[in-house]
Protein backbone atom coordinates (compact mmCIF):
# COMPACT_ATOMS: atom_id res chain seq x y z
CA MET A 1 0.71 -28.07 9.33
CA ILE A 2 0.54 -24.45 10.49
CA LYS A 3 0.84 -21.82 7.75
CA ILE A 4 2.49 -18.52 8.66
CA GLY A 5 3.15 -15.50 6.49
CA PHE A 6 5.58 -12.64 6.91
CA ASP A 7 5.76 -9.15 5.51
CA LEU A 8 9.16 -8.18 4.09
CA ASP A 9 9.84 -4.54 5.00
CA GLY A 10 9.88 -3.92 8.74
CA VAL A 11 9.58 -7.62 9.61
CA ILE A 12 12.37 -9.41 7.76
CA VAL A 13 14.15 -6.31 6.45
CA ASP A 14 15.06 -3.38 8.69
CA ASN A 15 14.22 -0.52 6.33
CA THR A 16 14.51 2.08 9.11
CA VAL A 17 18.30 2.16 8.62
CA PHE A 18 17.77 3.28 5.03
CA LYS A 19 15.02 5.75 5.96
CA SER A 20 17.21 7.32 8.65
CA ASP A 21 20.03 7.89 6.16
CA VAL A 22 17.70 9.40 3.55
CA PHE A 23 16.02 11.63 6.11
CA TYR A 24 19.40 12.93 7.28
CA LYS A 25 20.55 13.63 3.69
CA LYS A 26 17.33 15.52 2.92
CA THR A 27 17.01 17.52 6.14
CA GLY A 28 20.33 17.40 8.01
CA LEU A 29 18.41 16.08 11.02
CA HIS A 30 19.08 12.80 12.82
CA LEU A 31 16.18 10.57 13.77
CA LYS A 32 16.55 7.29 15.60
CA ASN A 33 15.52 4.23 13.63
CA TRP A 34 12.49 3.56 15.83
CA ASN A 35 11.18 7.06 14.92
CA LEU A 36 10.92 5.84 11.33
CA ASN A 37 8.89 2.71 12.04
CA SER A 38 5.80 2.74 9.82
CA ASN A 39 3.45 3.03 12.82
CA VAL A 40 5.00 6.21 14.24
CA ILE A 41 6.75 7.92 11.32
CA ASP A 42 3.85 10.39 10.97
CA ASN A 43 4.64 11.73 14.45
CA TYR A 44 8.23 12.52 13.55
CA ILE A 45 7.96 13.53 9.89
CA PRO A 46 4.76 15.58 9.61
CA ASN A 47 5.56 16.63 6.03
CA ILE A 48 3.52 14.09 4.06
CA ASP A 49 5.38 14.73 0.78
CA LEU A 50 8.74 14.04 2.42
CA ARG A 51 7.34 10.88 4.05
CA ARG A 52 5.99 9.63 0.74
CA GLU A 53 9.30 10.36 -0.98
CA ILE A 54 11.24 8.45 1.71
CA ASP A 55 8.77 5.54 1.58
CA LYS A 56 8.96 5.38 -2.22
CA LEU A 57 12.76 5.41 -2.15
CA SER A 58 12.74 2.69 0.50
CA ALA A 59 10.26 0.54 -1.43
CA THR A 60 12.41 0.69 -4.57
CA SER A 61 15.78 0.12 -2.88
CA ILE A 62 17.80 -2.98 -2.16
CA HIS A 63 18.19 -3.43 1.59
CA LYS A 64 21.01 -5.35 3.25
CA THR A 65 20.01 -5.21 6.91
CA ALA A 66 17.74 -7.77 8.54
CA THR A 67 15.59 -6.91 11.54
CA GLU A 68 17.34 -9.61 13.54
CA LYS A 69 20.75 -11.26 13.55
CA ASN A 70 20.79 -14.78 12.13
CA ILE A 71 17.56 -14.14 10.24
CA VAL A 72 18.01 -17.27 8.11
CA LYS A 73 18.45 -19.52 11.17
CA ILE A 74 15.42 -17.95 12.83
CA LEU A 75 13.25 -18.46 9.75
CA LEU A 76 14.47 -22.06 9.37
CA LYS A 77 13.56 -22.75 13.01
CA ILE A 78 10.07 -21.40 12.34
CA LYS A 79 9.91 -23.40 9.11
CA SER A 80 10.67 -26.61 11.02
CA ASN A 81 7.18 -26.25 12.58
CA ALA A 82 5.26 -24.47 9.83
CA GLU A 83 4.89 -23.69 6.15
CA VAL A 84 6.27 -20.18 5.65
CA TYR A 85 5.17 -17.51 3.18
CA LEU A 86 6.43 -14.06 2.28
CA ILE A 87 3.82 -11.50 1.21
CA SER A 88 5.07 -8.02 0.37
CA SER A 89 3.48 -4.86 -1.02
CA ARG A 90 6.57 -4.26 -3.11
CA GLY A 91 4.58 -5.26 -6.20
CA LYS A 92 3.45 -1.66 -6.74
CA SER A 93 6.17 -1.05 -9.33
CA GLU A 94 8.72 -2.93 -11.41
CA ASP A 95 11.51 -1.12 -9.52
CA GLY A 96 10.03 -2.20 -6.19
CA LEU A 97 9.66 -5.77 -7.37
CA PHE A 98 13.23 -5.90 -8.66
CA ALA A 99 14.62 -4.36 -5.45
CA ALA A 100 12.63 -6.78 -3.30
CA GLN A 101 13.94 -9.78 -5.22
CA LYS A 102 17.52 -8.49 -4.88
CA THR A 103 16.96 -7.84 -1.16
CA ILE A 104 15.74 -11.41 -0.71
CA GLU A 105 18.86 -12.67 -2.50
CA LYS A 106 21.21 -10.46 -0.44
CA LEU A 107 19.70 -11.64 2.85
CA LYS A 108 19.91 -15.25 1.58
CA ILE A 109 16.30 -15.97 2.56
CA ALA A 110 15.07 -17.13 -0.87
CA PRO A 111 15.65 -20.84 -0.10
CA VAL A 112 13.60 -20.54 3.09
CA PHE A 113 10.47 -19.40 1.24
CA LYS A 114 11.11 -21.17 -2.10
CA ASN A 115 7.95 -20.73 -4.20
CA ASN A 116 5.97 -19.15 -1.37
CA VAL A 117 6.84 -15.53 -2.20
CA PHE A 118 4.06 -13.19 -3.28
CA PHE A 119 4.20 -9.53 -4.27
CA VAL A 120 1.01 -7.50 -4.11
CA LYS A 121 0.22 -3.88 -4.94
CA ASN A 122 -1.60 -2.75 -1.81
CA ASP A 123 -2.89 -3.74 1.62
CA LEU A 124 -6.22 -5.00 0.31
CA GLU A 125 -4.44 -7.37 -2.08
CA LYS A 126 -2.23 -8.47 0.84
CA ILE A 127 -5.27 -9.33 2.97
CA THR A 128 -6.86 -11.15 0.03
CA LYS A 129 -3.68 -13.20 -0.52
CA ILE A 130 -3.52 -14.09 3.20
CA GLN A 131 -7.12 -15.32 2.99
CA GLU A 132 -6.52 -17.22 -0.29
CA LEU A 133 -3.57 -19.04 1.29
CA SER A 134 -5.61 -19.78 4.45
CA LEU A 135 -2.76 -18.62 6.67
CA ASP A 136 -3.02 -19.37 10.37
CA TYR A 137 -0.84 -16.35 11.24
CA PHE A 138 0.48 -13.30 9.44
CA VAL A 139 3.29 -11.17 10.90
CA ASP A 140 3.44 -7.49 9.94
CA ASP A 141 4.96 -4.41 11.56
CA ARG A 142 2.08 -2.19 10.48
CA PHE A 143 -0.89 -2.01 12.81
CA ASP A 144 -3.19 -0.88 9.98
CA VAL A 145 -2.57 -4.21 8.20
CA ILE A 146 -2.91 -6.31 11.37
CA SER A 147 -6.17 -4.56 12.28
CA MET A 148 -7.72 -5.71 8.97
CA LEU A 149 -7.14 -9.36 9.92
CA PRO A 150 -9.04 -11.48 12.43
CA LYS A 151 -7.32 -11.08 15.82
CA ASN A 152 -6.35 -14.75 15.92
CA ILE A 153 -4.40 -14.41 12.62
CA GLY A 154 -2.68 -11.02 12.80
CA VAL A 155 0.62 -10.81 14.70
CA LEU A 156 2.16 -7.36 15.23
CA TYR A 157 5.96 -7.40 15.01
CA ASP A 158 7.30 -4.88 17.53
CA GLN A 159 11.03 -4.69 16.84
CA PHE A 160 11.35 -1.43 18.79
CA HIS A 161 9.17 -2.43 21.78
CA GLN A 162 6.57 0.31 21.23
CA TRP A 163 3.24 -1.50 21.22
CA GLU A 164 2.39 -2.47 24.78
CA LYS A 165 -0.93 -0.67 24.29
CA TYR A 166 -2.20 -3.25 21.78
CA LYS A 167 -3.13 -5.83 24.39
CA ASN A 168 -6.01 -7.15 22.28
CA TYR A 169 -3.57 -8.29 19.61
CA THR A 170 -0.74 -10.77 19.54
CA VAL A 171 2.44 -8.70 19.71
CA ILE A 172 5.92 -10.20 19.33
CA LYS A 173 9.23 -8.47 19.99
CA SER A 174 11.35 -11.07 18.19
CA LEU A 175 10.52 -13.40 15.33
CA LEU A 176 11.51 -16.25 17.65
CA ASP A 177 8.47 -15.34 19.76
CA ILE A 178 6.32 -16.90 17.03
CA VAL A 179 7.72 -20.39 17.73
CA PRO A 180 5.68 -21.02 20.91
CA LEU A 181 2.55 -19.78 19.14
CA ILE A 182 2.88 -22.26 16.31
CA GLN A 183 3.91 -25.13 18.58
CA HIS A 184 0.76 -24.75 20.66
CA LYS A 185 -1.74 -24.39 17.83
């Protein structure tokens, strides 16, 4: 059976809603959610300290918004053709771990992944875990993570339709786009 992994923030959870609110509270400026996607945030928030503060707050917060409507149904459809795993870098701190577990509960996705949830501390640990699990695919919204994987494994999740330029990589605009990939493998 095909084994597919998913990142949490930016793939299952839409953390840009939270980041937009925090950015507005700190600066009084409005940014659109797509401006706060992890691949382009540097272009819109050049102040690295502010970016790090927003990222840290996001990583230690409980999120209630999924990237797609009916996220549970979508994940169950994928699970009908594959073993599914969740691998998140929220393991950097106890607060991040707690918030991630609460986020998973709030979105009601825990039963989808059951015991296949892993929290790591950094991208290198994430790549190592993907290799240990021998995943066929891994879906992440961060190009820097995808670029560390073999091109046949990494899948770039493009919720905001920004990544046409990455033609050498598998790019999906909806999590449902993964279904044909796993059905044809």
